[in-house]
């Protein structure tokens, strides 16, 4: 998880220094790590959003799977995202469980 957070931080901090930083970072990391789909352009965009939503890395963040964060990053409201993040940690939700809870609009029920 820390690597994804660092990639997001890097692409955010270097955006003004390099044109197409996300594409270049994606190509480099995919090559470096063996042409992995993990470092696709879309995932690098999510990694940047991951960093922007969670600008301070804490150890609890490694308790969730990347798929769970992908579900969280689909939420455009940070307050609601943090609510579901805390719920995921507390209840040890899988990404599928979290998706169902988000689709059922649990946040607005309470």
N, C-alpha and C. Protein backbone atom coordinates (compact mmCIF):
# COMPACT_ATOMS: atom_id res chain seq x y z
N UNK A 1 0.82 -1.19 0.00
CA UNK A 1 0.00 0.00 0.00
C UNK A 1 0.87 1.25 0.00
N UNK A 2 1.97 1.17 0.72
CA UNK A 2 2.85 2.33 0.81
C UNK A 2 3.42 2.70 -0.56
N UNK A 3 3.75 1.71 -1.36
CA UNK A 3 4.26 1.98 -2.71
C UNK A 3 3.22 2.75 -3.53
N UNK A 4 1.97 2.34 -3.47
CA UNK A 4 0.93 3.02 -4.22
C UNK A 4 0.77 4.46 -3.75
N UNK A 5 0.84 4.65 -2.44
CA UNK A 5 0.74 5.99 -1.87
C UNK A 5 1.91 6.86 -2.34
N UNK A 6 3.11 6.28 -2.35
CA UNK A 6 4.31 7.02 -2.79
C UNK A 6 4.22 7.37 -4.27
N UNK A 7 3.71 6.46 -5.08
CA UNK A 7 3.55 6.74 -6.51
C UNK A 7 2.56 7.90 -6.68
N UNK A 8 1.47 7.87 -5.95
CA UNK A 8 0.50 8.96 -6.00
C UNK A 8 1.10 10.28 -5.57
N UNK A 9 1.88 10.26 -4.53
CA UNK A 9 2.55 11.47 -4.04
C UNK A 9 3.53 11.98 -5.10
N UNK A 10 4.30 11.09 -5.68
CA UNK A 10 5.28 11.47 -6.69
C UNK A 10 4.61 12.14 -7.89
N UNK A 11 3.54 11.51 -8.40
CA UNK A 11 2.89 12.06 -9.58
C UNK A 11 2.23 13.41 -9.27
N UNK A 12 1.76 13.58 -8.05
CA UNK A 12 1.15 14.86 -7.68
C UNK A 12 2.22 15.95 -7.55
N UNK A 13 3.31 15.63 -6.89
CA UNK A 13 4.35 16.64 -6.65
C UNK A 13 5.12 17.00 -7.92
N UNK A 14 5.23 16.10 -8.86
CA UNK A 14 6.02 16.34 -10.07
C UNK A 14 5.17 16.75 -11.27
N UNK A 15 3.88 16.96 -11.07
CA UNK A 15 2.99 17.26 -12.20
C UNK A 15 3.39 18.52 -12.95
N UNK A 16 3.95 19.50 -12.26
CA UNK A 16 4.31 20.74 -12.95
C UNK A 16 5.69 20.66 -13.60
N UNK A 17 6.47 19.65 -13.24
CA UNK A 17 7.82 19.51 -13.80
C UNK A 17 7.86 18.66 -15.07
N UNK A 18 6.87 17.83 -15.25
CA UNK A 18 6.93 16.87 -16.34
C UNK A 18 5.56 16.75 -17.00
N UNK A 19 5.55 16.89 -18.30
CA UNK A 19 4.32 16.70 -19.05
C UNK A 19 3.96 15.22 -19.09
N UNK A 20 2.71 14.90 -18.96
CA UNK A 20 2.24 13.51 -19.01
C UNK A 20 2.91 12.63 -17.95
N UNK A 21 3.06 13.14 -16.75
CA UNK A 21 3.76 12.41 -15.69
C UNK A 21 3.09 11.07 -15.40
N UNK A 22 1.78 11.01 -15.44
CA UNK A 22 1.09 9.76 -15.12
C UNK A 22 1.40 8.70 -16.18
N UNK A 23 1.34 9.08 -17.44
CA UNK A 23 1.63 8.13 -18.51
C UNK A 23 3.08 7.65 -18.43
N UNK A 24 4.01 8.57 -18.22
CA UNK A 24 5.43 8.20 -18.15
C UNK A 24 5.71 7.32 -16.93
N UNK A 25 5.10 7.66 -15.82
CA UNK A 25 5.27 6.86 -14.60
C UNK A 25 4.69 5.46 -14.81
N UNK A 26 3.55 5.38 -15.45
CA UNK A 26 2.91 4.10 -15.72
C UNK A 26 3.81 3.22 -16.59
N UNK A 27 4.34 3.79 -17.65
CA UNK A 27 5.21 3.03 -18.56
C UNK A 27 6.47 2.56 -17.85
N UNK A 28 7.08 3.44 -17.07
CA UNK A 28 8.31 3.08 -16.37
C UNK A 28 8.07 1.99 -15.33
N UNK A 29 7.04 2.16 -14.50
CA UNK A 29 6.78 1.18 -13.44
C UNK A 29 6.33 -0.16 -14.01
N UNK A 30 5.54 -0.13 -15.07
CA UNK A 30 5.12 -1.39 -15.70
C UNK A 30 6.34 -2.13 -16.25
N UNK A 31 7.26 -1.40 -16.83
CA UNK A 31 8.49 -2.02 -17.33
C UNK A 31 9.35 -2.53 -16.17
N UNK A 32 9.53 -1.69 -15.16
CA UNK A 32 10.39 -2.03 -14.03
C UNK A 32 9.87 -3.24 -13.26
N UNK A 33 8.56 -3.32 -13.08
CA UNK A 33 7.96 -4.42 -12.31
C UNK A 33 7.44 -5.54 -13.21
N UNK A 34 7.85 -5.57 -14.45
CA UNK A 34 7.49 -6.70 -15.30
C UNK A 34 6.17 -6.56 -16.02
N UNK A 35 5.90 -5.37 -16.57
CA UNK A 35 4.70 -5.14 -17.37
C UNK A 35 3.42 -5.50 -16.61
N UNK A 36 3.38 -5.11 -15.38
CA UNK A 36 2.25 -5.41 -14.52
C UNK A 36 1.07 -4.49 -14.80
N UNK A 37 -0.15 -5.02 -14.77
CA UNK A 37 -1.36 -4.22 -14.95
C UNK A 37 -1.61 -3.33 -13.74
N UNK A 38 -0.95 -3.63 -12.66
CA UNK A 38 -1.10 -2.83 -11.44
C UNK A 38 -0.73 -1.38 -11.72
N UNK A 39 0.22 -1.18 -12.62
CA UNK A 39 0.68 0.17 -12.91
C UNK A 39 0.13 0.71 -14.22
N UNK A 40 -1.10 0.34 -14.52
CA UNK A 40 -1.77 0.88 -15.70
C UNK A 40 -2.03 2.37 -15.48
N UNK A 41 -2.31 3.06 -16.55
CA UNK A 41 -2.59 4.49 -16.47
C UNK A 41 -3.73 4.76 -15.48
N UNK A 42 -4.79 3.98 -15.58
CA UNK A 42 -5.96 4.18 -14.72
C UNK A 42 -5.61 3.98 -13.25
N UNK A 43 -4.79 2.96 -12.95
CA UNK A 43 -4.40 2.72 -11.57
C UNK A 43 -3.49 3.83 -11.03
N UNK A 44 -2.64 4.39 -11.89
CA UNK A 44 -1.80 5.50 -11.44
C UNK A 44 -2.68 6.71 -11.11
N UNK A 45 -3.73 6.92 -11.89
CA UNK A 45 -4.68 8.00 -11.58
C UNK A 45 -5.31 7.75 -10.21
N UNK A 46 -5.69 6.50 -9.93
CA UNK A 46 -6.26 6.18 -8.62
C UNK A 46 -5.21 6.34 -7.51
N UNK A 47 -3.95 6.03 -7.80
CA UNK A 47 -2.90 6.21 -6.80
C UNK A 47 -2.72 7.68 -6.45
N UNK A 48 -2.82 8.53 -7.45
CA UNK A 48 -2.74 9.97 -7.19
C UNK A 48 -3.92 10.41 -6.33
N UNK A 49 -5.11 9.92 -6.67
CA UNK A 49 -6.30 10.26 -5.88
C UNK A 49 -6.17 9.69 -4.46
N UNK A 50 -5.60 8.51 -4.35
CA UNK A 50 -5.33 7.89 -3.05
C UNK A 50 -4.48 8.82 -2.19
N UNK A 51 -3.43 9.35 -2.77
CA UNK A 51 -2.57 10.29 -2.04
C UNK A 51 -3.34 11.56 -1.68
N UNK A 52 -4.13 12.07 -2.59
CA UNK A 52 -4.86 13.31 -2.32
C UNK A 52 -5.93 13.13 -1.23
N UNK A 53 -6.55 11.96 -1.19
CA UNK A 53 -7.55 11.69 -0.16
C UNK A 53 -6.90 11.38 1.19
N UNK A 54 -5.73 10.76 1.16
CA UNK A 54 -5.03 10.38 2.38
C UNK A 54 -3.60 10.94 2.33
N UNK A 55 -3.45 12.25 2.54
CA UNK A 55 -2.13 12.88 2.37
C UNK A 55 -1.09 12.48 3.41
N UNK A 56 -1.53 11.90 4.49
CA UNK A 56 -0.58 11.42 5.51
C UNK A 56 -0.75 9.90 5.61
N UNK A 57 0.35 9.20 5.36
CA UNK A 57 0.28 7.74 5.39
C UNK A 57 0.36 7.26 6.83
N UNK A 58 -0.56 6.38 7.21
CA UNK A 58 -0.54 5.77 8.54
C UNK A 58 -0.56 4.25 8.37
N UNK A 59 -0.08 3.55 9.37
CA UNK A 59 0.03 2.09 9.28
C UNK A 59 -1.32 1.39 9.09
N UNK A 60 -2.40 1.98 9.60
CA UNK A 60 -3.71 1.36 9.44
C UNK A 60 -4.12 1.22 7.98
N UNK A 61 -3.54 2.03 7.13
CA UNK A 61 -3.91 1.99 5.71
C UNK A 61 -3.52 0.67 5.06
N UNK A 62 -2.53 0.00 5.62
CA UNK A 62 -2.12 -1.29 5.04
C UNK A 62 -3.05 -2.43 5.45
N UNK A 63 -4.02 -2.15 6.29
CA UNK A 63 -4.96 -3.19 6.72
C UNK A 63 -6.05 -3.46 5.67
N UNK A 64 -6.18 -2.56 4.71
CA UNK A 64 -7.18 -2.75 3.66
C UNK A 64 -6.51 -3.14 2.36
N UNK A 65 -7.22 -3.85 1.53
CA UNK A 65 -6.71 -4.26 0.23
C UNK A 65 -6.84 -3.11 -0.77
N UNK A 66 -6.04 -3.14 -1.82
CA UNK A 66 -6.08 -2.10 -2.84
C UNK A 66 -7.46 -2.02 -3.49
N UNK A 67 -8.12 -3.16 -3.67
CA UNK A 67 -9.47 -3.16 -4.26
C UNK A 67 -10.45 -2.36 -3.41
N UNK A 68 -10.27 -2.39 -2.11
CA UNK A 68 -11.12 -1.61 -1.22
C UNK A 68 -10.89 -0.12 -1.44
N UNK A 69 -9.62 0.26 -1.59
CA UNK A 69 -9.33 1.67 -1.87
C UNK A 69 -9.86 2.09 -3.23
N UNK A 70 -9.84 1.19 -4.18
CA UNK A 70 -10.41 1.52 -5.49
C UNK A 70 -11.89 1.86 -5.37
N UNK A 71 -12.60 1.12 -4.53
CA UNK A 71 -14.02 1.43 -4.29
C UNK A 71 -14.16 2.77 -3.58
N UNK A 72 -13.28 3.03 -2.62
CA UNK A 72 -13.34 4.30 -1.89
C UNK A 72 -13.04 5.49 -2.80
N UNK A 73 -12.12 5.31 -3.73
CA UNK A 73 -11.73 6.41 -4.62
C UNK A 73 -12.81 6.77 -5.63
N UNK A 74 -13.81 5.93 -5.77
CA UNK A 74 -14.92 6.24 -6.65
C UNK A 74 -15.87 7.26 -6.03
N UNK A 75 -15.72 7.47 -4.73
CA UNK A 75 -16.54 8.44 -4.00
C UNK A 75 -15.89 9.81 -4.15
N UNK A 76 -16.64 10.78 -4.62
CA UNK A 76 -16.07 12.11 -4.88
C UNK A 76 -16.14 13.05 -3.68
N UNK A 77 -16.74 12.63 -2.62
CA UNK A 77 -16.85 13.45 -1.42
C UNK A 77 -15.90 12.87 -0.36
N UNK A 78 -14.92 13.66 0.07
CA UNK A 78 -13.92 13.16 1.02
C UNK A 78 -14.53 12.78 2.37
N UNK A 79 -15.49 13.54 2.83
CA UNK A 79 -16.13 13.25 4.11
C UNK A 79 -16.81 11.88 4.08
N UNK A 80 -17.52 11.61 3.01
CA UNK A 80 -18.20 10.32 2.86
C UNK A 80 -17.17 9.21 2.67
N UNK A 81 -16.12 9.49 1.92
CA UNK A 81 -15.05 8.52 1.70
C UNK A 81 -14.41 8.12 3.03
N UNK A 82 -14.12 9.11 3.88
CA UNK A 82 -13.52 8.81 5.19
C UNK A 82 -14.45 7.99 6.06
N UNK A 83 -15.74 8.28 5.97
CA UNK A 83 -16.72 7.49 6.72
C UNK A 83 -16.64 6.02 6.32
N UNK A 84 -16.67 5.76 5.02
CA UNK A 84 -16.60 4.38 4.54
C UNK A 84 -15.23 3.75 4.81
N UNK A 85 -14.20 4.56 4.81
CA UNK A 85 -12.86 4.07 5.15
C UNK A 85 -12.84 3.56 6.59
N UNK A 86 -13.35 4.37 7.50
CA UNK A 86 -13.40 3.97 8.92
C UNK A 86 -14.29 2.75 9.11
N UNK A 87 -15.40 2.71 8.43
CA UNK A 87 -16.30 1.57 8.49
C UNK A 87 -15.61 0.30 7.99
N UNK A 88 -14.86 0.44 6.90
CA UNK A 88 -14.12 -0.70 6.34
C UNK A 88 -13.08 -1.23 7.31
N UNK A 89 -12.38 -0.32 7.97
CA UNK A 89 -11.38 -0.74 8.96
C UNK A 89 -12.04 -1.43 10.14
N UNK A 90 -13.07 -0.79 10.67
CA UNK A 90 -13.73 -1.30 11.88
C UNK A 90 -14.39 -2.65 11.64
N UNK A 91 -15.05 -2.80 10.51
CA UNK A 91 -15.79 -4.03 10.22
C UNK A 91 -15.00 -5.03 9.39
N UNK A 92 -13.77 -4.66 9.01
CA UNK A 92 -12.91 -5.52 8.18
C UNK A 92 -13.65 -5.96 6.91
N UNK A 93 -14.18 -4.97 6.20
CA UNK A 93 -14.97 -5.24 5.01
C UNK A 93 -14.09 -5.60 3.82
N UNK A 94 -14.59 -6.47 2.98
CA UNK A 94 -13.93 -6.74 1.71
C UNK A 94 -14.42 -5.67 0.72
N UNK A 95 -13.77 -5.59 -0.41
CA UNK A 95 -14.19 -4.60 -1.41
C UNK A 95 -15.61 -4.87 -1.90
N UNK A 96 -15.97 -6.15 -2.01
CA UNK A 96 -17.32 -6.49 -2.46
C UNK A 96 -18.37 -6.06 -1.43
N UNK A 97 -18.07 -6.30 -0.15
CA UNK A 97 -18.98 -5.88 0.91
C UNK A 97 -19.13 -4.36 0.92
N UNK A 98 -18.01 -3.68 0.79
CA UNK A 98 -18.03 -2.22 0.79
C UNK A 98 -18.84 -1.69 -0.39
N UNK A 99 -18.68 -2.29 -1.54
CA UNK A 99 -19.41 -1.86 -2.73
C UNK A 99 -20.92 -1.96 -2.50
N UNK A 100 -21.36 -3.06 -1.89
CA UNK A 100 -22.78 -3.25 -1.61
C UNK A 100 -23.27 -2.19 -0.63
N UNK A 101 -22.49 -1.91 0.39
CA UNK A 101 -22.87 -0.91 1.40
C UNK A 101 -22.96 0.48 0.76
N UNK A 102 -22.00 0.80 -0.09
CA UNK A 102 -22.02 2.10 -0.77
C UNK A 102 -23.22 2.19 -1.71
N UNK A 103 -23.47 1.14 -2.47
CA UNK A 103 -24.61 1.13 -3.39
C UNK A 103 -25.95 1.28 -2.67
N UNK A 104 -26.02 0.76 -1.45
CA UNK A 104 -27.24 0.89 -0.65
C UNK A 104 -27.31 2.21 0.11
N UNK A 105 -26.33 3.08 -0.14
CA UNK A 105 -26.31 4.42 0.43
C UNK A 105 -26.39 4.42 1.96
N UNK A 106 -25.60 3.58 2.56
CA UNK A 106 -25.60 3.44 4.02
C UNK A 106 -25.31 4.76 4.72
N UNK A 107 -24.48 5.56 4.14
CA UNK A 107 -24.10 6.85 4.75
C UNK A 107 -25.32 7.72 5.04
N UNK A 108 -26.25 7.75 4.13
CA UNK A 108 -27.44 8.59 4.29
C UNK A 108 -28.50 7.96 5.18
N UNK A 109 -28.32 6.70 5.55
CA UNK A 109 -29.30 6.03 6.41
C UNK A 109 -29.12 6.39 7.88
N UNK A 110 -27.91 6.80 8.22
CA UNK A 110 -27.67 7.08 9.65
C UNK A 110 -27.82 8.54 9.97
